Amino acid sequence: AHGSLGMLGCMRIWSRTAWADQGLPGGFQSTWKPGSMFEGRATRREFWPLALLYFAALYGAQHDERPLGESMLELTCVVFLLVFLLPFLGLCTRRLHDCGHSGRLLGVALLPFIGPILALGLLGHWLEDGDPSENEYGPDPKARHVGAEGELTTGAQ
């Protein structure tokens, strides 16, 4: 049907993500960077697969009408949210770094009452393309460099 995303459209979107290049385990592994979880830069291709999974789990954990603990889906979502909280915050921080902003902007979401509204402004930063050159947080992860032996490498290495 015209106008609907459908399975083929979802497959095309997935094929353009960094996770498609590395597979699902490789995508999670690249997101979980102990020691440098909050340092460096993350492209949109690296950010959005985990962000969408995290937002879906957040929705699943909040929109089950059964009491807490009676739903396996809800329990699974809560465990996922807890396990991936720090990696997700690190990824959000690195995504802001890619756009030249401090990760401290995430603190805006913690403000009572207006925090969630102001946090929608973060969405704009997560959607924008990163700085095309090196910034104070590191080299452009999409930059391509020619190595010493003539092979093509990316700045994310």
Protein backbone atom coordinates (compact mmCIF):
# COMPACT_ATOMS: atom_id res chain seq x y z
CA ALA A 1 0.00 0.00 0.00
CA HIS A 2 1.19 3.50 -0.79
CA GLY A 3 2.28 5.62 2.15
CA SER A 4 2.85 2.73 4.55
CA LEU A 5 6.33 1.79 5.67
CA GLY A 6 5.84 -1.95 5.49
CA MET A 7 8.43 -4.67 6.02
CA LEU A 8 10.53 -3.70 2.99
CA GLY A 9 10.76 -0.09 4.19
CA CYS A 10 11.82 -1.24 7.66
CA MET A 11 14.51 -3.45 6.12
CA ARG A 12 15.82 -0.50 4.06
CA ILE A 13 16.01 1.71 7.15
CA TRP A 14 17.76 -1.05 9.15
CA SER A 15 20.27 -1.63 6.34
CA ARG A 16 21.45 1.99 6.67
CA THR A 17 22.22 1.72 10.40
CA ALA A 18 25.63 1.04 11.90
CA TRP A 19 24.08 -1.99 13.58
CA ALA A 20 23.33 -3.54 10.20
CA ASP A 21 27.06 -3.39 9.40
CA GLN A 22 28.02 -5.06 12.69
CA GLY A 23 24.98 -7.22 13.41
CA LEU A 24 22.88 -6.96 16.56
CA PRO A 25 25.58 -8.22 18.98
CA GLY A 26 28.18 -5.90 17.42
CA GLY A 27 25.79 -2.96 17.68
CA PHE A 28 25.24 -3.54 21.38
CA GLN A 29 28.97 -4.08 21.86
CA SER A 30 29.86 -0.78 20.16
CA THR A 31 27.33 1.00 22.37
CA TRP A 32 28.65 -0.54 25.57
CA LYS A 33 32.08 1.10 25.84
CA PRO A 34 33.36 0.67 29.40
CA GLY A 35 35.84 3.36 30.34
CA SER A 36 34.87 5.58 27.44
CA MET A 37 31.10 5.34 27.64
CA PHE A 38 30.71 9.12 27.96
CA GLU A 39 33.70 10.17 25.82
CA GLY A 40 33.94 10.70 22.10
CA ARG A 41 31.24 11.08 19.49
CA ALA A 42 28.38 8.92 18.16
CA THR A 43 26.77 9.24 14.75
CA ARG A 44 23.03 9.10 14.14
CA ARG A 45 23.54 5.63 12.63
CA GLU A 46 25.01 4.43 15.92
CA PHE A 47 22.49 6.27 18.11
CA TRP A 48 19.04 5.60 16.71
CA PRO A 49 18.76 1.77 16.83
CA LEU A 50 19.40 1.63 20.59
CA ALA A 51 17.42 4.82 21.20
CA LEU A 52 14.35 3.37 19.48
CA LEU A 53 14.70 0.09 21.38
CA TYR A 54 15.08 2.01 24.64
CA PHE A 55 12.05 4.22 23.96
CA ALA A 56 9.99 1.15 22.98
CA ALA A 57 10.98 -0.60 26.24
CA LEU A 58 10.11 2.55 28.19
CA TYR A 59 6.69 2.59 26.53
CA GLY A 60 6.21 -1.15 27.20
CA ALA A 61 7.13 -0.74 30.87
CA GLN A 62 4.62 2.09 31.37
CA HIS A 63 1.62 0.98 29.35
CA ASP A 64 0.68 -2.39 30.77
CA GLU A 65 -2.54 -2.26 32.79
CA ARG A 66 -1.72 -5.30 34.95
CA PRO A 67 -0.11 -4.82 38.38
CA LEU A 68 3.68 -4.59 38.48
CA GLY A 69 5.29 -8.01 38.26
CA GLU A 70 2.34 -9.83 36.67
CA SER A 71 3.37 -9.10 33.09
CA MET A 72 6.39 -10.79 31.54
CA LEU A 73 6.62 -8.04 28.89
CA GLU A 74 6.69 -5.35 31.54
CA LEU A 75 9.30 -7.21 33.58
CA THR A 76 11.46 -7.74 30.48
CA CYS A 77 11.20 -4.05 29.58
CA VAL A 78 12.14 -2.94 33.11
CA VAL A 79 15.19 -5.25 33.15
CA PHE A 80 16.26 -3.97 29.70
CA LEU A 81 15.84 -0.36 30.87
CA LEU A 82 17.95 -0.93 33.98
CA VAL A 83 20.71 -2.88 32.22
CA PHE A 84 21.04 -0.34 29.41
CA LEU A 85 20.55 2.86 31.44
CA LEU A 86 24.23 3.85 31.65
CA PRO A 87 25.10 2.76 28.08
CA PHE A 88 22.07 4.68 26.80
CA LEU A 89 23.02 7.82 28.76
CA GLY A 90 26.56 7.46 27.44
CA LEU A 91 25.28 7.11 23.90
CA CYS A 92 23.04 10.18 24.35
CA THR A 93 26.05 12.11 25.65
CA ARG A 94 28.25 11.02 22.73
CA ARG A 95 25.47 11.97 20.28
CA LEU A 96 25.36 15.47 21.81
CA HIS A 97 29.17 15.59 21.58
CA ASP A 98 28.93 14.83 17.85
CA CYS A 99 26.84 17.99 17.46
CA GLY A 100 29.29 20.05 19.54
CA HIS A 101 27.19 20.16 22.73
CA SER A 102 27.99 19.12 26.29
CA GLY A 103 26.41 15.98 27.70
CA ARG A 104 25.29 18.12 30.62
CA LEU A 105 22.28 19.09 28.52
CA LEU A 106 20.81 15.72 29.55
CA GLY A 107 20.37 17.21 33.02
CA VAL A 108 17.61 19.41 31.60
CA ALA A 109 15.32 16.37 31.57
CA LEU A 110 15.66 16.07 35.36
CA LEU A 111 14.08 19.46 36.09
CA PRO A 112 10.71 19.07 37.80
CA PHE A 113 7.62 19.74 35.68
CA ILE A 114 9.31 21.49 32.72
CA GLY A 115 12.17 19.00 32.29
CA PRO A 116 10.33 16.57 30.00
CA ILE A 117 9.10 19.47 27.86
CA LEU A 118 12.59 20.97 27.58
CA ALA A 119 13.97 17.49 26.88
CA LEU A 120 12.08 17.53 23.58
CA GLY A 121 14.68 20.09 22.49
CA LEU A 122 17.27 17.31 22.82
CA LEU A 123 15.44 15.49 20.07
CA GLY A 124 16.44 18.26 17.69
CA HIS A 125 20.11 17.78 18.59
CA TRP A 126 19.83 14.01 18.18
CA LEU A 127 18.31 14.50 14.71
CA GLU A 128 20.83 17.02 13.42
CA ASP A 129 23.94 15.98 11.56
CA GLY A 130 27.15 16.07 13.58
CA ASP A 131 29.99 18.55 13.14
CA PRO A 132 31.72 17.67 9.85
CA SER A 133 35.17 18.23 11.33
CA GLU A 134 36.97 17.56 14.58
CA ASN A 135 35.50 19.32 17.60
CA GLU A 136 36.47 19.49 21.27
CA TYR A 137 35.04 15.98 21.83
CA GLY A 138 37.08 14.22 19.15
CA PRO A 139 37.39 13.55 15.42
CA ASP A 140 34.42 13.23 13.11
CA PRO A 141 33.31 9.57 13.38
CA LYS A 142 32.16 9.66 9.74
CA ALA A 143 35.47 11.06 8.43
CA ARG A 144 37.38 8.79 6.10
CA HIS A 145 41.16 8.64 6.20
CA VAL A 146 43.68 6.85 4.05
CA GLY A 147 45.92 4.69 6.26
CA ALA A 148 49.66 4.16 5.90
CA GLU A 149 49.15 1.17 3.60
CA GLY A 150 46.55 2.91 1.43
CA GLU A 151 43.47 1.32 3.03
CA LEU A 152 40.41 3.43 3.73
CA THR A 153 39.50 3.77 7.43
CA THR A 154 36.90 5.79 9.32
CA GLY A 155 37.48 8.33 12.08
CA ALA A 156 35.55 6.16 14.56
CA GLN A 157 38.43 3.68 14.92
